[in-house]
Structures are given as C-alpha cells and as structure tokens.
Amino acid sequence: MNSDKIEGVMDKVVGKTQEVAGNVTGDERLQAEGNARYVTGAIQEKYGDALGCVSDLVKKKPLTTVAIFAGVSLLAGLLLRRR
C-alpha cells in the first residue's frame, strides 16, 4: 500500500467525521468541509490504486509497458503534428 492510498483513506475518515459532526451540531460549514475532504480523500485513494496498478504492470511486463508507451507517444506526436 502506497502513501497516496493511505493518505486518501485517512482523509476520507476525517472528512466523514467532520461531516457527521456538522450534521449533529447543525454547522453547515463543517458539513461542507467534511464532504469536500471526503471527496478529496476518495480521489487520492483512487490515484494511489492507479499508481499501484501501473507499478505492478511495469514490474511484471516491462516490454509491454514500453510498447504501450511507444504507441501512446507515436499517437500524441501524430495528433500534435496536424495542428
């Protein structure tokens, strides 16, 4: 588990706690901050998952990774050349 995923999970927990505290106290600002922090944590957690998947792919299939990168680079070059 990488640090981005861990930080994302922690932000989700803290955000949900803030949101619940805002609901209990009726503080709309605290609710909004908690909701925003929860969403940010969820995005960061997914980013950490994606990094882990890419890292695993590079370790397991380095030649496939190079081929994919070369194909994407070629496509980007062709698209940018047309402008």
C-alpha atoms as a PDB file:
ATOM      1  CA  MET A   1       0.000   0.000   0.000  1.00  0.00           C
ATOM      2  CA  ASN A   2       1.491   3.338  -1.016  1.00  0.00           C
ATOM      3  CA  SER A   3       1.390   6.647   0.823  1.00  0.00           C
ATOM      4  CA  ASP A   4      -1.188   8.230  -1.512  1.00  0.00           C
ATOM      5  CA  LYS A   5      -3.678   5.474  -0.797  1.00  0.00           C
ATOM      6  CA  ILE A   6      -3.071   5.675   2.968  1.00  0.00           C
ATOM      7  CA  GLU A   7      -3.467   9.467   2.993  1.00  0.00           C
ATOM      8  CA  GLY A   8      -6.630   9.155   0.915  1.00  0.00           C
ATOM      9  CA  VAL A   9      -8.193   6.699   3.336  1.00  0.00           C
ATOM     10  CA  MET A  10      -7.264   8.913   6.287  1.00  0.00           C
ATOM     11  CA  ASP A  11      -8.776  11.987   4.613  1.00  0.00           C
ATOM     12  CA  LYS A  12     -11.954  10.033   3.912  1.00  0.00           C
ATOM     13  CA  VAL A  13     -12.245   9.041   7.584  1.00  0.00           C
ATOM     14  CA  VAL A  14     -11.559  12.563   8.851  1.00  0.00           C
ATOM     15  CA  GLY A  15     -13.911  14.064   6.268  1.00  0.00           C
ATOM     16  CA  LYS A  16     -16.748  11.717   7.201  1.00  0.00           C
ATOM     17  CA  THR A  17     -16.172  12.521  10.884  1.00  0.00           C
ATOM     18  CA  GLN A  18     -16.328  16.259  10.157  1.00  0.00           C
ATOM     19  CA  GLU A  19     -19.473  15.794   8.101  1.00  0.00           C
ATOM     20  CA  VAL A  20     -21.203  13.830  10.881  1.00  0.00           C
ATOM     21  CA  ALA A  21     -20.112  16.397  13.471  1.00  0.00           C
ATOM     22  CA  GLY A  22     -21.542  19.123  11.255  1.00  0.00           C
ATOM     23  CA  ASN A  23     -24.822  17.222  10.965  1.00  0.00           C
ATOM     24  CA  VAL A  24     -25.067  16.782  14.730  1.00  0.00           C
ATOM     25  CA  THR A  25     -24.248  20.401  15.540  1.00  0.00           C
ATOM     26  CA  GLY A  26     -26.097  21.891  12.575  1.00  0.00           C
ATOM     27  CA  ASP A  27     -22.911  23.585  11.337  1.00  0.00           C
ATOM     28  CA  GLU A  28     -23.276  23.731   7.547  1.00  0.00           C
ATOM     29  CA  ARG A  29     -19.719  24.949   7.031  1.00  0.00           C
ATOM     30  CA  LEU A  30     -18.303  21.957   8.920  1.00  0.00           C
ATOM     31  CA  GLN A  31     -20.551  19.662   6.871  1.00  0.00           C
ATOM     32  CA  ALA A  32     -19.281  21.176   3.624  1.00  0.00           C
ATOM     33  CA  GLU A  33     -15.638  20.984   4.722  1.00  0.00           C
ATOM     34  CA  GLY A  34     -16.100  17.367   5.745  1.00  0.00           C
ATOM     35  CA  ASN A  35     -17.770  16.483   2.477  1.00  0.00           C
ATOM     36  CA  ALA A  36     -15.010  18.196   0.468  1.00  0.00           C
ATOM     37  CA  ARG A  37     -12.308  16.427   2.462  1.00  0.00           C
ATOM     38  CA  TYR A  38     -14.069  13.075   1.998  1.00  0.00           C
ATOM     39  CA  VAL A  39     -14.251  13.558  -1.784  1.00  0.00           C
ATOM     40  CA  THR A  40     -10.616  14.667  -1.918  1.00  0.00           C
ATOM     41  CA  GLY A  41      -9.616  11.589   0.063  1.00  0.00           C
ATOM     42  CA  ALA A  42     -11.579   9.311  -2.249  1.00  0.00           C
ATOM     43  CA  ILE A  43      -9.850  10.795  -5.294  1.00  0.00           C
ATOM     44  CA  GLN A  44      -6.426  10.473  -3.686  1.00  0.00           C
ATOM     45  CA  GLU A  45      -7.165   6.867  -2.725  1.00  0.00           C
ATOM     46  CA  LYS A  46      -8.092   6.037  -6.352  1.00  0.00           C
ATOM     47  CA  TYR A  47      -4.911   7.787  -7.531  1.00  0.00           C
ATOM     48  CA  GLY A  48      -2.910   5.573  -5.172  1.00  0.00           C
ATOM     49  CA  ASP A  49      -4.681   2.495  -6.559  1.00  0.00           C
ATOM     50  CA  ALA A  50      -3.845   3.564 -10.111  1.00  0.00           C
ATOM     51  CA  LEU A  51      -0.183   4.096  -9.241  1.00  0.00           C
ATOM     52  CA  GLY A  52      -0.073   0.655  -7.685  1.00  0.00           C
ATOM     53  CA  CYS A  53      -1.574  -0.939 -10.812  1.00  0.00           C
ATOM     54  CA  VAL A  54       0.875   0.830 -13.101  1.00  0.00           C
ATOM     55  CA  SER A  55       3.776  -0.119 -10.866  1.00  0.00           C
ATOM     56  CA  ASP A  56       2.692  -3.762 -10.865  1.00  0.00           C
ATOM     57  CA  LEU A  57       2.347  -3.758 -14.664  1.00  0.00           C
ATOM     58  CA  VAL A  58       5.817  -2.263 -15.121  1.00  0.00           C
ATOM     59  CA  LYS A  59       7.338  -4.870 -12.807  1.00  0.00           C
ATOM     60  CA  LYS A  60       5.507  -7.840 -14.326  1.00  0.00           C
ATOM     61  CA  LYS A  61       5.592  -6.876 -18.020  1.00  0.00           C
ATOM     62  CA  PRO A  62       8.275  -4.291 -18.771  1.00  0.00           C
ATOM     63  CA  LEU A  63       8.297  -4.897 -22.544  1.00  0.00           C
ATOM     64  CA  THR A  64       4.530  -4.483 -22.769  1.00  0.00           C
ATOM     65  CA  THR A  65       4.836  -1.234 -20.845  1.00  0.00           C
ATOM     66  CA  VAL A  66       7.492   0.072 -23.243  1.00  0.00           C
ATOM     67  CA  ALA A  67       5.331  -0.904 -26.237  1.00  0.00           C
ATOM     68  CA  ILE A  68       2.274   0.871 -24.779  1.00  0.00           C
ATOM     69  CA  PHE A  69       4.318   3.974 -24.005  1.00  0.00           C
ATOM     70  CA  ALA A  70       5.793   3.991 -27.528  1.00  0.00           C
ATOM     71  CA  GLY A  71       2.322   3.663 -29.070  1.00  0.00           C
ATOM     72  CA  VAL A  72       0.870   6.478 -26.976  1.00  0.00           C
ATOM     73  CA  SER A  73       3.876   8.677 -27.780  1.00  0.00           C
ATOM     74  CA  LEU A  74       3.525   7.996 -31.502  1.00  0.00           C
ATOM     75  CA  LEU A  75      -0.185   8.790 -31.411  1.00  0.00           C
ATOM     76  CA  ALA A  76       0.426  12.014 -29.466  1.00  0.00           C
ATOM     77  CA  GLY A  77       3.129  13.027 -31.952  1.00  0.00           C
ATOM     78  CA  LEU A  78       0.827  12.442 -34.904  1.00  0.00           C
ATOM     79  CA  LEU A  79      -2.015  14.379 -33.322  1.00  0.00           C
ATOM     80  CA  LEU A  80       0.198  17.321 -32.381  1.00  0.00           C
ATOM     81  CA  ARG A  81       1.841  17.416 -35.817  1.00  0.00           C
ATOM     82  CA  ARG A  82      -1.513  18.014 -37.510  1.00  0.00           C
ATOM     83  CA  ARG A  83      -2.005  21.336 -35.735  1.00  0.00           C
END
